[in-house]
N, C-alpha and C. Protein backbone atom coordinates (compact mmCIF):
# COMPACT_ATOMS: atom_id res chain seq x y z
N MET A 1 -5.11 6.14 5.97
CA MET A 1 -6.27 5.95 6.81
C MET A 1 -6.83 4.56 6.62
N SER A 2 -7.37 4.01 7.70
CA SER A 2 -8.03 2.72 7.58
C SER A 2 -9.51 2.91 7.90
N GLY A 3 -10.30 1.90 7.62
CA GLY A 3 -11.73 1.99 7.86
C GLY A 3 -12.44 2.65 6.70
N PRO A 4 -13.76 2.79 6.83
CA PRO A 4 -14.56 3.33 5.74
C PRO A 4 -14.12 4.73 5.31
N GLY A 5 -13.79 5.59 6.25
CA GLY A 5 -13.34 6.94 5.90
C GLY A 5 -12.04 6.91 5.13
N GLY A 6 -11.15 5.99 5.51
CA GLY A 6 -9.87 5.84 4.81
C GLY A 6 -10.08 5.36 3.39
N ASP A 7 -11.03 4.43 3.21
CA ASP A 7 -11.33 3.93 1.87
C ASP A 7 -11.85 5.07 0.99
N VAL A 8 -12.73 5.89 1.55
CA VAL A 8 -13.28 7.01 0.79
C VAL A 8 -12.17 7.98 0.41
N ARG A 9 -11.29 8.28 1.33
CA ARG A 9 -10.20 9.21 1.06
C ARG A 9 -9.25 8.64 0.00
N THR A 10 -8.96 7.35 0.09
CA THR A 10 -8.08 6.70 -0.88
C THR A 10 -8.67 6.77 -2.28
N VAL A 11 -9.96 6.45 -2.41
CA VAL A 11 -10.61 6.48 -3.72
C VAL A 11 -10.71 7.92 -4.22
N ALA A 12 -11.01 8.85 -3.34
CA ALA A 12 -11.07 10.27 -3.74
C ALA A 12 -9.71 10.73 -4.28
N ASP A 13 -8.65 10.33 -3.62
CA ASP A 13 -7.30 10.68 -4.09
C ASP A 13 -7.01 10.07 -5.46
N GLU A 14 -7.44 8.82 -5.65
CA GLU A 14 -7.23 8.16 -6.94
C GLU A 14 -8.00 8.88 -8.06
N ILE A 15 -9.24 9.26 -7.78
CA ILE A 15 -10.03 9.98 -8.77
C ILE A 15 -9.37 11.32 -9.09
N ALA A 16 -8.89 12.00 -8.07
CA ALA A 16 -8.22 13.28 -8.30
C ALA A 16 -6.97 13.11 -9.15
N ARG A 17 -6.18 12.07 -8.91
CA ARG A 17 -4.99 11.82 -9.73
C ARG A 17 -5.37 11.49 -11.17
N TYR A 18 -6.44 10.72 -11.33
CA TYR A 18 -6.92 10.40 -12.67
C TYR A 18 -7.28 11.68 -13.42
N LEU A 19 -8.00 12.56 -12.76
CA LEU A 19 -8.41 13.81 -13.39
C LEU A 19 -7.24 14.76 -13.62
N ASP A 20 -6.23 14.70 -12.77
CA ASP A 20 -5.03 15.50 -13.01
C ASP A 20 -4.37 15.08 -14.33
N ARG A 21 -4.38 13.79 -14.60
CA ARG A 21 -3.76 13.27 -15.82
C ARG A 21 -4.66 13.40 -17.05
N ARG A 22 -5.96 13.47 -16.81
CA ARG A 22 -6.94 13.55 -17.90
C ARG A 22 -7.98 14.61 -17.56
N PRO A 23 -7.62 15.87 -17.66
CA PRO A 23 -8.50 16.95 -17.20
C PRO A 23 -9.85 17.03 -17.93
N ASP A 24 -9.96 16.47 -19.10
CA ASP A 24 -11.22 16.53 -19.84
C ASP A 24 -12.09 15.28 -19.66
N ALA A 25 -11.68 14.38 -18.76
CA ALA A 25 -12.42 13.13 -18.56
C ALA A 25 -13.79 13.41 -17.96
N SER A 26 -14.75 12.58 -18.35
CA SER A 26 -16.08 12.62 -17.75
C SER A 26 -16.67 11.22 -17.87
N ASP A 27 -17.52 10.86 -16.90
CA ASP A 27 -18.11 9.54 -16.93
C ASP A 27 -19.21 9.47 -15.89
N THR A 28 -19.97 8.38 -15.92
CA THR A 28 -20.97 8.12 -14.90
C THR A 28 -20.28 7.57 -13.66
N GLU A 29 -21.02 7.46 -12.56
CA GLU A 29 -20.44 6.86 -11.35
C GLU A 29 -19.96 5.44 -11.65
N GLU A 30 -20.77 4.69 -12.40
CA GLU A 30 -20.37 3.32 -12.74
C GLU A 30 -19.12 3.32 -13.62
N GLY A 31 -19.03 4.26 -14.56
CA GLY A 31 -17.86 4.35 -15.42
C GLY A 31 -16.61 4.68 -14.63
N VAL A 32 -16.74 5.58 -13.65
CA VAL A 32 -15.60 5.91 -12.79
C VAL A 32 -15.14 4.66 -12.06
N MET A 33 -16.12 3.91 -11.53
CA MET A 33 -15.78 2.69 -10.78
C MET A 33 -15.16 1.64 -11.70
N ARG A 34 -15.72 1.47 -12.90
CA ARG A 34 -15.24 0.41 -13.79
C ARG A 34 -13.95 0.75 -14.50
N TRP A 35 -13.73 2.02 -14.84
CA TRP A 35 -12.62 2.38 -15.71
C TRP A 35 -11.58 3.27 -15.05
N TRP A 36 -11.98 4.28 -14.34
CA TRP A 36 -11.00 5.22 -13.80
C TRP A 36 -10.18 4.62 -12.68
N ILE A 37 -10.87 4.02 -11.70
CA ILE A 37 -10.16 3.50 -10.53
C ILE A 37 -9.19 2.39 -10.94
N PRO A 38 -9.63 1.37 -11.68
CA PRO A 38 -8.66 0.34 -12.08
C PRO A 38 -7.52 0.89 -12.91
N ARG A 39 -7.79 1.86 -13.77
CA ARG A 39 -6.74 2.39 -14.64
C ARG A 39 -5.68 3.13 -13.84
N ILE A 40 -6.08 3.98 -12.92
CA ILE A 40 -5.08 4.73 -12.14
C ILE A 40 -4.28 3.77 -11.27
N ARG A 41 -4.93 2.77 -10.73
CA ARG A 41 -4.21 1.78 -9.92
C ARG A 41 -3.22 1.01 -10.77
N LEU A 42 -3.63 0.62 -11.97
CA LEU A 42 -2.73 -0.09 -12.86
C LEU A 42 -1.53 0.77 -13.24
N GLU A 43 -1.78 2.02 -13.60
CA GLU A 43 -0.69 2.92 -13.98
C GLU A 43 0.31 3.09 -12.84
N GLU A 44 -0.21 3.27 -11.63
CA GLU A 44 0.69 3.49 -10.50
C GLU A 44 1.41 2.21 -10.10
N GLU A 45 0.75 1.09 -10.16
CA GLU A 45 1.41 -0.18 -9.84
C GLU A 45 2.44 -0.53 -10.90
N LEU A 46 2.17 -0.21 -12.14
CA LEU A 46 3.13 -0.48 -13.21
C LEU A 46 4.43 0.28 -12.95
N ALA A 47 4.33 1.50 -12.47
CA ALA A 47 5.54 2.27 -12.15
C ALA A 47 6.33 1.59 -11.03
N VAL A 48 5.64 1.07 -10.04
CA VAL A 48 6.31 0.37 -8.94
C VAL A 48 6.96 -0.91 -9.44
N VAL A 49 6.27 -1.64 -10.30
CA VAL A 49 6.82 -2.88 -10.86
C VAL A 49 8.06 -2.57 -11.69
N ARG A 50 8.01 -1.52 -12.51
CA ARG A 50 9.19 -1.14 -13.30
C ARG A 50 10.38 -0.83 -12.40
N ASP A 51 10.14 -0.07 -11.34
CA ASP A 51 11.22 0.26 -10.42
C ASP A 51 11.77 -0.99 -9.74
N ALA A 52 10.88 -1.90 -9.36
CA ALA A 52 11.32 -3.13 -8.71
C ALA A 52 12.15 -3.99 -9.68
N LEU A 53 11.71 -4.09 -10.92
CA LEU A 53 12.48 -4.85 -11.91
C LEU A 53 13.83 -4.21 -12.17
N ALA A 54 13.87 -2.89 -12.27
CA ALA A 54 15.14 -2.20 -12.47
C ALA A 54 16.10 -2.48 -11.32
N LEU A 55 15.59 -2.49 -10.11
CA LEU A 55 16.42 -2.80 -8.94
C LEU A 55 16.97 -4.22 -9.04
N LEU A 56 16.11 -5.17 -9.40
CA LEU A 56 16.56 -6.57 -9.50
C LEU A 56 17.57 -6.76 -10.63
N VAL A 57 17.40 -6.03 -11.73
CA VAL A 57 18.38 -6.10 -12.82
C VAL A 57 19.71 -5.55 -12.32
N THR A 58 19.67 -4.42 -11.65
CA THR A 58 20.90 -3.81 -11.13
C THR A 58 21.59 -4.74 -10.13
N GLN A 59 20.81 -5.43 -9.32
CA GLN A 59 21.37 -6.35 -8.33
C GLN A 59 21.88 -7.64 -8.97
N GLY A 60 21.46 -7.89 -10.20
CA GLY A 60 21.95 -9.07 -10.91
C GLY A 60 21.11 -10.32 -10.75
N SER A 61 19.96 -10.24 -10.10
CA SER A 61 19.14 -11.45 -9.93
C SER A 61 18.13 -11.62 -11.07
N VAL A 62 17.91 -10.57 -11.84
CA VAL A 62 17.03 -10.63 -13.00
C VAL A 62 17.82 -10.11 -14.19
N GLU A 63 17.57 -10.70 -15.35
CA GLU A 63 18.25 -10.24 -16.55
C GLU A 63 17.25 -9.82 -17.61
N ARG A 64 17.67 -8.86 -18.41
CA ARG A 64 16.91 -8.42 -19.57
C ARG A 64 17.41 -9.23 -20.76
N VAL A 65 16.49 -9.70 -21.57
CA VAL A 65 16.85 -10.42 -22.78
C VAL A 65 16.10 -9.77 -23.93
N VAL A 66 16.83 -9.33 -24.94
CA VAL A 66 16.22 -8.70 -26.10
C VAL A 66 16.00 -9.79 -27.15
N LEU A 67 14.74 -10.01 -27.50
CA LEU A 67 14.39 -11.00 -28.50
C LEU A 67 14.68 -10.45 -29.90
N PRO A 68 14.77 -11.32 -30.89
CA PRO A 68 15.02 -10.85 -32.26
C PRO A 68 14.02 -9.79 -32.74
N SER A 69 12.81 -9.85 -32.22
CA SER A 69 11.79 -8.87 -32.60
C SER A 69 12.02 -7.50 -31.96
N GLY A 70 12.95 -7.45 -31.00
CA GLY A 70 13.20 -6.21 -30.27
C GLY A 70 12.48 -6.15 -28.95
N LEU A 71 11.56 -7.06 -28.72
CA LEU A 71 10.83 -7.14 -27.46
C LEU A 71 11.80 -7.49 -26.34
N VAL A 72 11.68 -6.79 -25.22
CA VAL A 72 12.54 -7.07 -24.07
C VAL A 72 11.75 -7.88 -23.07
N ILE A 73 12.29 -9.03 -22.69
CA ILE A 73 11.68 -9.84 -21.63
C ILE A 73 12.63 -9.84 -20.43
N LEU A 74 12.08 -10.18 -19.31
CA LEU A 74 12.87 -10.26 -18.08
C LEU A 74 12.70 -11.64 -17.49
N ARG A 75 13.77 -12.15 -16.91
CA ARG A 75 13.72 -13.48 -16.32
C ARG A 75 14.78 -13.57 -15.23
N ARG A 76 14.65 -14.62 -14.45
CA ARG A 76 15.65 -14.89 -13.43
C ARG A 76 16.99 -15.08 -14.12
N ARG A 77 18.00 -14.46 -13.58
CA ARG A 77 19.33 -14.57 -14.20
C ARG A 77 19.90 -15.95 -13.92
N SER A 78 20.35 -16.60 -14.99
CA SER A 78 20.94 -17.92 -14.82
C SER A 78 22.40 -17.77 -14.42
N GLN A 79 22.95 -18.81 -13.84
CA GLN A 79 24.32 -18.78 -13.34
C GLN A 79 25.33 -18.57 -14.45
N ASP A 80 25.02 -19.04 -15.65
CA ASP A 80 25.98 -18.92 -16.75
C ASP A 80 25.65 -17.76 -17.70
N SER A 81 24.89 -16.80 -17.25
CA SER A 81 24.54 -15.64 -18.09
C SER A 81 25.63 -14.60 -18.01
N THR A 82 26.47 -14.60 -19.02
CA THR A 82 27.52 -13.59 -19.06
C THR A 82 27.33 -12.65 -20.24
N ALA A 83 26.60 -13.09 -21.26
CA ALA A 83 26.44 -12.26 -22.45
C ALA A 83 25.10 -11.53 -22.48
N ARG A 84 24.39 -11.55 -21.39
CA ARG A 84 23.08 -10.92 -21.35
C ARG A 84 23.19 -9.43 -21.05
N ASP A 85 22.14 -8.72 -21.39
CA ASP A 85 22.04 -7.28 -21.16
C ASP A 85 21.56 -7.06 -19.73
N THR A 86 22.40 -6.53 -18.87
CA THR A 86 22.02 -6.30 -17.48
C THR A 86 21.89 -4.83 -17.15
N ARG A 87 21.80 -4.00 -18.19
CA ARG A 87 21.60 -2.57 -17.93
C ARG A 87 20.23 -2.36 -17.30
N PRO A 88 20.09 -1.35 -16.46
CA PRO A 88 18.77 -1.06 -15.87
C PRO A 88 17.76 -0.76 -16.97
N LEU A 89 16.51 -1.02 -16.67
CA LEU A 89 15.45 -0.75 -17.63
C LEU A 89 15.37 0.75 -17.90
N PRO A 90 15.06 1.13 -19.12
CA PRO A 90 14.91 2.56 -19.40
C PRO A 90 13.67 3.10 -18.72
N ALA A 91 13.71 4.36 -18.35
CA ALA A 91 12.56 4.99 -17.71
C ALA A 91 11.43 5.09 -18.70
N GLN A 92 10.21 4.88 -18.24
CA GLN A 92 9.03 4.98 -19.08
C GLN A 92 8.35 6.32 -18.83
N PRO A 93 7.82 6.90 -19.88
CA PRO A 93 7.14 8.20 -19.70
C PRO A 93 5.87 8.06 -18.90
C-alpha cells in the first residue's frame, strides 16, 4: 500500500513481526519507534543482504576471505583469485 494508510499498515506489520519474535516485549510508543521499528527493519534487511552476498559469491563476483582471526570478510573477486574460498555463505539463524 502507498500513502498514509499504507505507511500505517507497513509499520503495524513490522510491530507484529517484532512481537512474534519477542512475545514478552513491552515499551512506550517512543520506545517502539526508537527501538522496535529500526531493529525489525535491520534484521530483515540483514537477511536480504546475506542472500544477496551469497548469490554474488556463487556467481563468482564476490569472494569470501577468512582472516587469521577466523573473521570472514567479503570483497570483489580479483582476477587472479584462485585460492580463495568461494563457497556460499552459511545460513544464519
